Amino acid sequence: MRKILHLLLLLIFTVNLSAQKDSVSYIGALAQQDINRPSSAVNVTIYPVPVRENNFTISTDKDISFVRITNIIGQDIFRVKYNNPEQQIRIMLDNAKRGMYIVTINFSDGTRVVKKILVEESE
């Protein structure tokens, strides 16, 4: 009885090690695919930095189709969808308080870029 129990435990241990080895090799292959995937670098410029007078410009080399600005806790303070995508957009914020904001830019080809901006109070 004891030998059967030992053989059963040895079999379970061997199968478990084999499954872990397969998982590691599969995850390694996935990581290698991500490394080899060409990145579509998008040149995005936001100015002036820091933002003053509650307005700034976004300039890119791709057509912008959607812009969303959220505060640091995730509340939307600005969002707009462009029916005619443009490569340079002027954003006017209403009563933006001093602080960090997150700008999410969606492009007409489906790519997305996320940037941070700092808004300072007007002098």
N, C-alpha and C. Protein backbone atom coordinates (compact mmCIF):
# COMPACT_ATOMS: atom_id res chain seq x y z
N MET A 1 0.82 -1.18 0.00
CA MET A 1 0.00 0.00 0.00
C MET A 1 0.87 1.26 0.00
N ARG A 2 1.92 1.18 0.80
CA ARG A 2 2.81 2.31 0.93
C ARG A 2 3.55 2.58 -0.38
N LYS A 3 3.96 1.52 -1.09
CA LYS A 3 4.65 1.68 -2.35
C LYS A 3 3.73 2.31 -3.39
N ILE A 4 2.48 1.91 -3.37
CA ILE A 4 1.52 2.48 -4.32
C ILE A 4 1.33 3.97 -4.05
N LEU A 5 1.26 4.33 -2.80
CA LEU A 5 1.11 5.74 -2.43
C LEU A 5 2.33 6.54 -2.87
N HIS A 6 3.52 5.99 -2.68
CA HIS A 6 4.75 6.66 -3.10
C HIS A 6 4.79 6.82 -4.62
N LEU A 7 4.40 5.77 -5.34
CA LEU A 7 4.37 5.84 -6.80
C LEU A 7 3.36 6.88 -7.28
N LEU A 8 2.23 6.92 -6.62
CA LEU A 8 1.19 7.89 -6.98
C LEU A 8 1.68 9.33 -6.75
N LEU A 9 2.32 9.58 -5.62
CA LEU A 9 2.86 10.90 -5.33
C LEU A 9 3.97 11.27 -6.31
N LEU A 10 4.82 10.31 -6.66
CA LEU A 10 5.88 10.55 -7.62
C LEU A 10 5.30 10.88 -8.99
N LEU A 11 4.25 10.20 -9.38
CA LEU A 11 3.59 10.46 -10.66
C LEU A 11 2.97 11.86 -10.68
N ILE A 12 2.29 12.23 -9.61
CA ILE A 12 1.68 13.57 -9.52
C ILE A 12 2.76 14.64 -9.57
N PHE A 13 3.85 14.44 -8.83
CA PHE A 13 4.95 15.40 -8.80
C PHE A 13 5.57 15.56 -10.19
N THR A 14 5.77 14.44 -10.90
CA THR A 14 6.36 14.48 -12.24
C THR A 14 5.44 15.20 -13.22
N VAL A 15 4.15 14.93 -13.18
CA VAL A 15 3.20 15.60 -14.06
C VAL A 15 3.15 17.09 -13.75
N ASN A 16 3.20 17.45 -12.48
CA ASN A 16 3.17 18.85 -12.08
C ASN A 16 4.40 19.59 -12.60
N LEU A 17 5.58 18.99 -12.48
CA LEU A 17 6.79 19.62 -12.99
C LEU A 17 6.73 19.79 -14.51
N SER A 18 6.21 18.80 -15.19
CA SER A 18 6.09 18.88 -16.65
C SER A 18 5.14 20.01 -17.05
N ALA A 19 4.04 20.15 -16.34
CA ALA A 19 3.07 21.22 -16.64
C ALA A 19 3.70 22.59 -16.39
N GLN A 20 4.48 22.74 -15.33
CA GLN A 20 5.13 24.01 -15.06
C GLN A 20 6.15 24.34 -16.13
N LYS A 21 6.88 23.33 -16.61
CA LYS A 21 7.87 23.55 -17.65
C LYS A 21 7.18 24.02 -18.93
N ASP A 22 6.05 23.41 -19.29
CA ASP A 22 5.30 23.82 -20.48
C ASP A 22 4.79 25.25 -20.33
N SER A 23 4.31 25.60 -19.14
CA SER A 23 3.81 26.96 -18.91
C SER A 23 4.91 27.98 -19.05
N VAL A 24 6.08 27.67 -18.51
CA VAL A 24 7.21 28.59 -18.58
C VAL A 24 7.64 28.78 -20.03
N SER A 25 7.71 27.69 -20.80
CA SER A 25 8.13 27.83 -22.20
C SER A 25 7.09 28.58 -23.00
N TYR A 26 5.79 28.40 -22.71
CA TYR A 26 4.73 29.12 -23.42
C TYR A 26 4.79 30.61 -23.10
N ILE A 27 4.97 30.95 -21.83
CA ILE A 27 5.05 32.36 -21.44
C ILE A 27 6.29 33.00 -22.03
N GLY A 28 7.39 32.26 -22.07
CA GLY A 28 8.61 32.78 -22.70
C GLY A 28 8.40 33.06 -24.17
N ALA A 29 7.67 32.19 -24.87
CA ALA A 29 7.39 32.41 -26.29
C ALA A 29 6.51 33.64 -26.49
N LEU A 30 5.53 33.84 -25.62
CA LEU A 30 4.68 35.03 -25.71
C LEU A 30 5.48 36.30 -25.48
N ALA A 31 6.37 36.29 -24.51
CA ALA A 31 7.20 37.46 -24.23
C ALA A 31 8.09 37.76 -25.42
N GLN A 32 8.62 36.74 -26.05
CA GLN A 32 9.47 36.95 -27.23
C GLN A 32 8.68 37.56 -28.37
N GLN A 33 7.42 37.17 -28.55
CA GLN A 33 6.58 37.74 -29.60
C GLN A 33 6.37 39.22 -29.36
N ASP A 34 6.13 39.61 -28.10
CA ASP A 34 5.92 41.02 -27.79
C ASP A 34 7.18 41.84 -28.06
N ILE A 35 8.35 41.26 -27.81
CA ILE A 35 9.60 41.97 -28.06
C ILE A 35 9.81 42.18 -29.55
N ASN A 36 9.45 41.19 -30.34
CA ASN A 36 9.68 41.27 -31.78
C ASN A 36 8.63 42.08 -32.52
N ARG A 37 7.51 42.41 -31.87
CA ARG A 37 6.46 43.16 -32.52
C ARG A 37 6.95 44.59 -32.75
N PRO A 38 6.82 45.09 -34.00
CA PRO A 38 7.28 46.46 -34.25
C PRO A 38 6.40 47.47 -33.51
N SER A 39 7.04 48.44 -32.92
CA SER A 39 6.29 49.46 -32.19
C SER A 39 5.97 50.60 -33.14
N SER A 40 4.76 51.11 -33.01
CA SER A 40 4.37 52.24 -33.84
C SER A 40 4.54 53.50 -33.00
N ALA A 41 5.73 54.04 -33.02
CA ALA A 41 6.03 55.22 -32.23
C ALA A 41 5.31 56.42 -32.83
N VAL A 42 4.63 57.15 -31.97
CA VAL A 42 3.90 58.33 -32.39
C VAL A 42 4.56 59.53 -31.75
N ASN A 43 4.85 60.52 -32.55
CA ASN A 43 5.45 61.74 -32.05
C ASN A 43 4.34 62.67 -31.58
N VAL A 44 4.22 62.86 -30.27
CA VAL A 44 3.19 63.72 -29.68
C VAL A 44 3.88 64.84 -28.91
N THR A 45 3.50 66.07 -29.22
CA THR A 45 4.04 67.23 -28.52
C THR A 45 2.89 68.00 -27.88
N ILE A 46 3.02 68.27 -26.60
CA ILE A 46 2.04 69.08 -25.88
C ILE A 46 2.77 70.31 -25.37
N TYR A 47 2.23 71.49 -25.69
CA TYR A 47 2.87 72.73 -25.26
C TYR A 47 1.82 73.79 -25.01
N PRO A 48 2.07 74.78 -24.19
CA PRO A 48 3.24 74.99 -23.34
C PRO A 48 3.22 74.06 -22.13
N VAL A 49 4.39 73.80 -21.61
CA VAL A 49 4.52 72.99 -20.41
C VAL A 49 5.25 73.82 -19.38
N PRO A 50 4.75 74.05 -18.20
CA PRO A 50 3.42 73.66 -17.72
C PRO A 50 2.33 74.49 -18.39
N VAL A 51 1.11 73.95 -18.36
CA VAL A 51 -0.04 74.61 -18.99
C VAL A 51 -0.44 75.81 -18.15
N ARG A 52 -0.59 76.95 -18.82
CA ARG A 52 -1.06 78.17 -18.16
C ARG A 52 -2.20 78.75 -18.97
N GLU A 53 -2.97 79.61 -18.38
CA GLU A 53 -4.11 80.23 -19.06
C GLU A 53 -5.16 79.19 -19.47
N ASN A 54 -5.11 77.99 -18.88
CA ASN A 54 -6.08 76.91 -19.13
C ASN A 54 -6.22 76.52 -20.59
N ASN A 55 -5.17 76.67 -21.39
CA ASN A 55 -5.21 76.17 -22.76
C ASN A 55 -3.84 75.70 -23.18
N PHE A 56 -3.85 74.72 -24.07
CA PHE A 56 -2.61 74.16 -24.59
C PHE A 56 -2.86 73.56 -25.96
N THR A 57 -1.79 73.18 -26.64
CA THR A 57 -1.88 72.62 -27.98
C THR A 57 -1.28 71.22 -28.00
N ILE A 58 -1.95 70.34 -28.74
CA ILE A 58 -1.44 68.99 -28.97
C ILE A 58 -1.09 68.90 -30.45
N SER A 59 0.14 68.52 -30.73
CA SER A 59 0.60 68.39 -32.10
C SER A 59 1.17 66.99 -32.30
N THR A 60 0.73 66.30 -33.37
CA THR A 60 1.19 64.94 -33.63
C THR A 60 1.46 64.75 -35.12
N ASP A 61 2.02 63.58 -35.45
CA ASP A 61 2.21 63.24 -36.85
C ASP A 61 1.14 62.29 -37.37
N LYS A 62 0.11 62.01 -36.53
CA LYS A 62 -1.04 61.19 -36.93
C LYS A 62 -2.32 61.99 -36.70
N ASP A 63 -3.40 61.55 -37.31
CA ASP A 63 -4.69 62.23 -37.15
C ASP A 63 -5.32 61.87 -35.80
N ILE A 64 -5.65 62.90 -35.02
CA ILE A 64 -6.27 62.72 -33.70
C ILE A 64 -7.78 62.62 -33.91
N SER A 65 -8.39 61.57 -33.32
CA SER A 65 -9.84 61.41 -33.45
C SER A 65 -10.57 61.62 -32.13
N PHE A 66 -9.87 61.52 -30.99
CA PHE A 66 -10.53 61.65 -29.68
C PHE A 66 -9.51 62.09 -28.64
N VAL A 67 -9.91 63.02 -27.78
CA VAL A 67 -9.04 63.47 -26.68
C VAL A 67 -9.87 63.46 -25.40
N ARG A 68 -9.28 62.88 -24.35
CA ARG A 68 -9.92 62.90 -23.03
C ARG A 68 -8.89 63.34 -22.01
N ILE A 69 -9.29 64.21 -21.11
CA ILE A 69 -8.42 64.68 -20.04
C ILE A 69 -9.10 64.34 -18.72
N THR A 70 -8.34 63.67 -17.86
CA THR A 70 -8.86 63.30 -16.54
C THR A 70 -7.96 63.86 -15.46
N ASN A 71 -8.55 64.11 -14.30
CA ASN A 71 -7.72 64.52 -13.17
C ASN A 71 -7.04 63.28 -12.59
N ILE A 72 -6.26 63.46 -11.58
CA ILE A 72 -5.43 62.38 -11.07
C ILE A 72 -6.25 61.28 -10.40
N ILE A 73 -7.51 61.56 -10.04
CA ILE A 73 -8.36 60.52 -9.44
C ILE A 73 -9.31 59.91 -10.47
N GLY A 74 -9.14 60.25 -11.74
CA GLY A 74 -9.88 59.59 -12.80
C GLY A 74 -11.16 60.26 -13.26
N GLN A 75 -11.46 61.44 -12.77
CA GLN A 75 -12.68 62.14 -13.19
C GLN A 75 -12.41 62.86 -14.51
N ASP A 76 -13.31 62.69 -15.48
CA ASP A 76 -13.18 63.39 -16.76
C ASP A 76 -13.43 64.88 -16.56
N ILE A 77 -12.51 65.71 -17.06
CA ILE A 77 -12.74 67.15 -17.03
C ILE A 77 -12.89 67.71 -18.44
N PHE A 78 -12.51 66.89 -19.43
CA PHE A 78 -12.63 67.32 -20.83
C PHE A 78 -12.63 66.08 -21.71
N ARG A 79 -13.51 66.07 -22.70
CA ARG A 79 -13.50 65.01 -23.70
C ARG A 79 -14.15 65.54 -24.97
N VAL A 80 -13.55 65.17 -26.09
CA VAL A 80 -14.09 65.60 -27.38
C VAL A 80 -13.72 64.56 -28.44
N LYS A 81 -14.69 64.30 -29.32
CA LYS A 81 -14.47 63.40 -30.46
C LYS A 81 -14.47 64.26 -31.72
N TYR A 82 -13.46 64.05 -32.56
CA TYR A 82 -13.32 64.84 -33.78
C TYR A 82 -13.82 64.03 -34.98
N ASN A 83 -14.85 64.55 -35.65
CA ASN A 83 -15.37 63.88 -36.84
C ASN A 83 -14.40 64.02 -38.02
N ASN A 84 -13.70 65.13 -38.06
CA ASN A 84 -12.65 65.37 -39.06
C ASN A 84 -11.32 65.39 -38.33
N PRO A 85 -10.64 64.23 -38.24
CA PRO A 85 -9.39 64.16 -37.46
C PRO A 85 -8.36 65.18 -37.94
N GLU A 86 -7.64 65.72 -36.97
CA GLU A 86 -6.62 66.73 -37.23
C GLU A 86 -5.31 66.33 -36.56
N GLN A 87 -4.21 66.94 -37.00
CA GLN A 87 -2.91 66.65 -36.42
C GLN A 87 -2.47 67.69 -35.40
N GLN A 88 -3.15 68.81 -35.35
CA GLN A 88 -2.84 69.84 -34.35
C GLN A 88 -4.16 70.36 -33.79
N ILE A 89 -4.28 70.31 -32.46
CA ILE A 89 -5.53 70.67 -31.79
C ILE A 89 -5.23 71.60 -30.63
N ARG A 90 -6.04 72.62 -30.50
CA ARG A 90 -5.94 73.55 -29.36
C ARG A 90 -7.02 73.17 -28.37
N ILE A 91 -6.64 72.93 -27.12
CA ILE A 91 -7.56 72.54 -26.06
C ILE A 91 -7.75 73.71 -25.11
N MET A 92 -9.02 74.02 -24.83
CA MET A 92 -9.37 75.07 -23.87
C MET A 92 -10.09 74.40 -22.69
N LEU A 93 -9.51 74.50 -21.50
CA LEU A 93 -10.10 73.90 -20.31
C LEU A 93 -10.91 74.94 -19.55
N ASP A 94 -12.02 74.50 -18.98
CA ASP A 94 -12.86 75.39 -18.17
C ASP A 94 -12.52 75.21 -16.70
N ASN A 95 -12.00 76.24 -16.07
CA ASN A 95 -11.75 76.25 -14.63
C ASN A 95 -10.90 75.08 -14.15
N ALA A 96 -9.86 74.75 -14.87
CA ALA A 96 -8.95 73.68 -14.42
C ALA A 96 -8.14 74.19 -13.23
N LYS A 97 -8.14 73.41 -12.19
CA LYS A 97 -7.37 73.77 -11.00
C LYS A 97 -5.92 73.31 -11.18
N ARG A 98 -5.05 73.88 -10.39
CA ARG A 98 -3.64 73.54 -10.41
C ARG A 98 -3.46 72.07 -10.08
N GLY A 99 -2.62 71.37 -10.85
CA GLY A 99 -2.36 69.96 -10.55
C GLY A 99 -1.98 69.17 -11.78
N MET A 100 -1.85 67.86 -11.57
CA MET A 100 -1.49 66.93 -12.63
C MET A 100 -2.77 66.40 -13.28
N TYR A 101 -2.72 66.26 -14.61
CA TYR A 101 -3.83 65.72 -15.39
C TYR A 101 -3.29 64.70 -16.38
N ILE A 102 -4.14 63.78 -16.78
CA ILE A 102 -3.77 62.74 -17.72
C ILE A 102 -4.51 62.99 -19.03
N VAL A 103 -3.75 63.07 -20.13
CA VAL A 103 -4.31 63.32 -21.45
C VAL A 103 -4.24 62.01 -22.23
N THR A 104 -5.41 61.51 -22.65
CA THR A 104 -5.49 60.30 -23.47
C THR A 104 -5.86 60.72 -24.88
N ILE A 105 -5.01 60.35 -25.84
CA ILE A 105 -5.20 60.74 -27.24
C ILE A 105 -5.41 59.48 -28.06
N ASN A 106 -6.57 59.38 -28.72
CA ASN A 106 -6.85 58.26 -29.62
C ASN A 106 -6.68 58.76 -31.05
N PHE A 107 -6.06 57.93 -31.88
CA PHE A 107 -5.81 58.30 -33.26
C PHE A 107 -6.77 57.55 -34.19
N SER A 108 -6.91 58.05 -35.39
CA SER A 108 -7.85 57.46 -36.34
C SER A 108 -7.48 56.04 -36.74
N ASP A 109 -6.22 55.64 -36.57
CA ASP A 109 -5.81 54.27 -36.91
C ASP A 109 -5.99 53.30 -35.75
N GLY A 110 -6.56 53.77 -34.62
CA GLY A 110 -6.84 52.91 -33.48
C GLY A 110 -5.78 52.92 -32.40
N THR A 111 -4.65 53.56 -32.62
CA THR A 111 -3.61 53.61 -31.59
C THR A 111 -3.97 54.67 -30.55
N ARG A 112 -3.31 54.59 -29.41
CA ARG A 112 -3.61 55.50 -28.30
C ARG A 112 -2.33 55.86 -27.60
N VAL A 113 -2.24 57.12 -27.16
CA VAL A 113 -1.10 57.61 -26.40
C VAL A 113 -1.64 58.29 -25.14
N VAL A 114 -0.97 58.06 -24.02
CA VAL A 114 -1.35 58.69 -22.76
C VAL A 114 -0.18 59.54 -22.29
N LYS A 115 -0.46 60.82 -21.97
CA LYS A 115 0.57 61.75 -21.50
C LYS A 115 0.08 62.41 -20.21
N LYS A 116 1.05 62.94 -19.45
CA LYS A 116 0.72 63.72 -18.25
C LYS A 116 1.00 65.18 -18.53
N ILE A 117 0.16 66.04 -17.97
CA ILE A 117 0.42 67.48 -18.05
C ILE A 117 0.30 68.08 -16.66
N LEU A 118 0.96 69.18 -16.47
CA LEU A 118 0.88 69.94 -15.23
C LEU A 118 0.20 71.27 -15.54
N VAL A 119 -0.87 71.56 -14.82
CA VAL A 119 -1.60 72.81 -14.99
C VAL A 119 -1.25 73.71 -13.82
N GLU A 120 -0.82 74.94 -14.13
CA GLU A 120 -0.55 75.92 -13.11
C GLU A 120 -1.58 77.03 -13.20
N GLU A 121 -1.80 77.69 -12.09
CA GLU A 121 -2.76 78.79 -12.07
C GLU A 121 -2.24 79.97 -12.87
N SER A 122 -3.17 80.69 -13.49
CA SER A 122 -2.79 81.88 -14.26
C SER A 122 -2.30 82.97 -13.34
N GLU A 123 -1.38 83.77 -13.84
CA GLU A 123 -0.82 84.85 -13.00
C GLU A 123 -1.59 86.12 -13.21
